[in-house]
Protein backbone atom coordinates (compact mmCIF):
# COMPACT_ATOMS: atom_id res chain seq x y z
CA MET A 1 153.81 78.05 75.57
CA LYS A 2 154.02 81.74 74.70
CA TYR A 3 152.63 81.06 71.22
CA LEU A 4 149.88 78.84 72.59
CA SER A 5 148.67 81.69 74.76
CA GLN A 6 148.97 84.05 71.77
CA ILE A 7 146.76 81.86 69.62
CA ILE A 8 144.20 81.67 72.41
CA SER A 9 144.28 85.46 72.75
CA VAL A 10 144.04 85.97 68.99
CA THR A 11 141.18 83.52 68.73
CA LEU A 12 139.29 85.28 71.51
CA LEU A 13 139.93 88.72 70.00
CA VAL A 14 138.79 87.57 66.58
CA SER A 15 135.64 86.06 68.01
CA MET A 16 134.86 89.19 70.04
CA SER A 17 135.47 91.49 67.08
CA MET A 18 133.12 89.42 64.93
CA GLY A 19 130.32 89.83 67.48
CA CYS A 20 126.88 89.21 66.05
CA ALA A 21 128.23 89.01 62.51
CA SER A 22 129.98 85.74 63.31
CA THR A 23 128.90 82.66 61.51
CA SER A 24 128.71 79.37 63.31
CA SER A 25 131.76 78.10 61.39
CA GLN A 26 133.83 81.02 62.67
CA GLN A 27 132.64 80.51 66.23
CA GLU A 28 133.43 76.80 66.27
CA HIS A 29 137.17 77.55 66.18
CA VAL A 30 137.15 79.64 69.36
CA GLY A 31 139.34 77.72 71.77
CA ASP A 32 139.34 74.77 69.40
CA PRO A 33 141.82 72.31 70.93
CA HIS A 34 142.61 70.89 67.48
CA ILE A 35 143.68 74.32 66.17
CA MET A 36 145.68 75.07 69.31
CA SER A 37 147.39 71.68 69.04
CA LEU A 38 148.09 72.22 65.36
CA GLN A 39 149.65 75.62 66.10
CA ALA A 40 151.86 74.08 68.79
CA GLN A 41 152.93 71.36 66.34
CA ALA A 42 153.67 74.00 63.69
CA GLU A 43 155.85 75.92 66.14
CA ALA A 44 157.69 72.76 67.16
CA SER A 45 158.29 71.82 63.51
CA TYR A 46 159.52 75.35 62.82
CA LYS A 47 161.97 75.27 65.71
CA LEU A 48 163.29 71.90 64.52
CA ALA A 49 163.76 73.39 61.01
CA LYS A 50 161.21 70.99 59.53
CA LEU A 51 160.07 73.78 57.28
CA ASP A 52 157.87 71.77 54.88
CA GLN A 53 155.97 70.34 57.80
CA ALA A 54 155.76 73.69 59.60
CA GLU A 55 154.51 75.39 56.44
CA SER A 56 151.74 72.85 55.98
CA GLN A 57 150.70 73.14 59.62
CA TYR A 58 150.74 76.95 59.65
CA LEU A 59 148.65 77.01 56.48
CA GLN A 60 146.09 74.78 58.20
CA VAL A 61 146.06 77.07 61.25
CA LEU A 62 145.62 80.14 59.04
CA GLN A 63 142.72 78.52 57.19
CA SER A 64 140.89 78.39 60.50
CA VAL A 65 142.27 81.59 62.05
CA PRO A 66 143.17 83.85 59.09
CA ASN A 67 143.85 86.90 61.29
CA TYR A 68 146.57 85.18 63.33
CA ALA A 69 149.52 87.52 62.70
CA PRO A 70 152.21 85.30 64.30
CA GLY A 71 151.25 82.55 61.86
CA TRP A 72 151.73 84.90 58.91
CA PHE A 73 155.07 86.01 60.37
CA ARG A 74 156.30 82.42 60.69
CA LEU A 75 155.07 81.63 57.19
CA GLY A 76 157.05 84.65 55.92
CA ASN A 77 160.16 83.30 57.65
CA ILE A 78 159.63 79.85 56.14
CA TYR A 79 159.24 81.32 52.67
CA THR A 80 162.35 83.48 53.16
CA ARG A 81 164.43 80.51 54.28
CA THR A 82 163.27 78.46 51.31
CA GLY A 83 163.97 81.22 48.79
CA ARG A 84 160.35 82.01 47.94
CA HIS A 85 160.74 85.74 48.25
CA ASP A 86 157.46 86.86 46.67
CA ALA A 87 155.51 84.54 48.96
CA ALA A 88 157.53 85.81 51.95
CA ILE A 89 156.67 89.42 51.10
CA ALA A 90 152.98 88.52 50.82
CA ALA A 91 153.04 86.76 54.21
CA TYR A 92 154.90 89.60 55.96
CA GLN A 93 152.53 92.09 54.33
CA ARG A 94 149.54 90.23 55.75
CA CYS A 95 151.24 90.17 59.15
CA VAL A 96 151.77 93.95 59.19
CA GLU A 97 148.22 94.54 57.99
CA LEU A 98 147.12 92.74 61.15
CA GLU A 99 149.88 94.15 63.38
CA PRO A 100 151.11 97.46 61.90
CA GLU A 101 153.61 97.94 64.74
CA ASN A 102 155.30 94.55 64.23
CA GLN A 103 158.87 95.76 63.72
CA LYS A 104 160.25 92.26 63.09
CA ALA A 105 157.85 91.74 60.19
CA TRP A 106 158.75 95.13 58.67
CA TYR A 107 162.46 94.40 59.16
CA ASN A 108 162.23 90.95 57.59
CA MET A 109 160.25 92.35 54.68
CA GLY A 110 163.08 94.85 54.17
CA LEU A 111 165.67 92.05 54.27
CA VAL A 112 163.77 90.11 51.63
CA ARG A 113 163.56 93.21 49.43
CA ILE A 114 167.34 93.67 49.81
CA LYS A 115 167.86 90.03 48.77
CA GLN A 116 165.59 90.53 45.76
CA SER A 117 167.44 93.70 44.77
CA THR A 118 170.78 91.94 45.12
CA GLU A 119 169.62 89.07 42.92
CA ILE A 120 168.39 91.48 40.24
CA LEU A 121 171.62 93.46 40.27
CA GLU A 122 173.73 90.28 40.14
CA SER A 123 171.79 89.18 37.08
CA ILE A 124 172.28 92.53 35.36
CA ASP A 125 175.95 92.73 36.41
CA ARG A 126 176.69 89.40 34.66
CA ARG A 127 175.00 90.49 31.44
CA GLY A 128 175.94 94.12 31.01
CA ASP A 129 179.04 96.12 30.28
CA VAL A 130 180.48 97.09 33.67
CA ASN A 131 182.49 99.91 32.09
CA THR A 132 179.48 102.04 31.09
CA PRO A 133 178.26 104.72 33.52
CA VAL A 134 175.17 102.65 34.35
CA GLY A 135 177.26 99.48 34.60
CA LYS A 136 179.49 101.22 37.15
CA GLN A 137 176.44 102.36 39.13
CA ILE A 138 175.05 98.83 39.11
CA SER A 139 178.37 97.40 40.31
CA ALA A 140 178.67 100.03 43.05
CA LEU A 141 175.14 99.42 44.29
CA LEU A 142 175.64 95.66 44.20
CA ASP A 143 178.87 96.01 46.18
CA ALA A 144 177.11 98.21 48.75
CA LEU A 145 174.24 95.74 49.15
CA ASN A 146 176.64 92.82 49.53
CA ARG A 147 178.66 94.72 52.16
CA LEU A 148 175.48 95.62 54.00
CA GLN A 149 174.44 91.98 54.15
CA ARG A 150 177.90 90.87 55.39
CA GLU A 151 178.37 93.47 58.14
CA PRO A 152 178.48 92.10 61.70
CA GLY A 153 175.23 92.68 63.51
CA SER A 154 173.21 92.86 60.30
CA SER A 155 172.68 89.13 59.94
CA SER A 156 169.92 88.43 57.48
CA GLN A 157 168.72 85.66 59.78
CA ALA A 158 168.43 87.90 62.86
CA SER A 159 164.64 88.09 62.96
CA LEU A 160 163.91 84.79 61.29
CA LYS A 161 163.48 83.02 64.62
């Protein structure tokens, strides 16, 4: 219900900010029951971990309401959970463009960057000589990143809800 009221608020804000510059196609989505229903379905799919379905539904919502930050946030979470890190970064970036104070989006973007860094360092660590000065630095940084991701209270899934 919280997200339903958010989409209504976002839709109203978008329509008010468009003012006279609005086209009829943009105005037809204001309070559109189909879009509100689709957003509620997307949220339900997300909460049931039906990520393919939720992704498709959120993409449809965002086609109609492209400035809906919570939709971009959820899409970022879906992409993170499905290992599509570049897409997750792009979705979180769009979210923080719309809501610069959204700490969860910034945090999740940081988590994804840590995962990307870890993957890069793991790849290098397997290929290089770990006994060189740079090899030792790579191993030390990789160990630190792995410890950071394992520490209690720093769950990488904390904000992905």
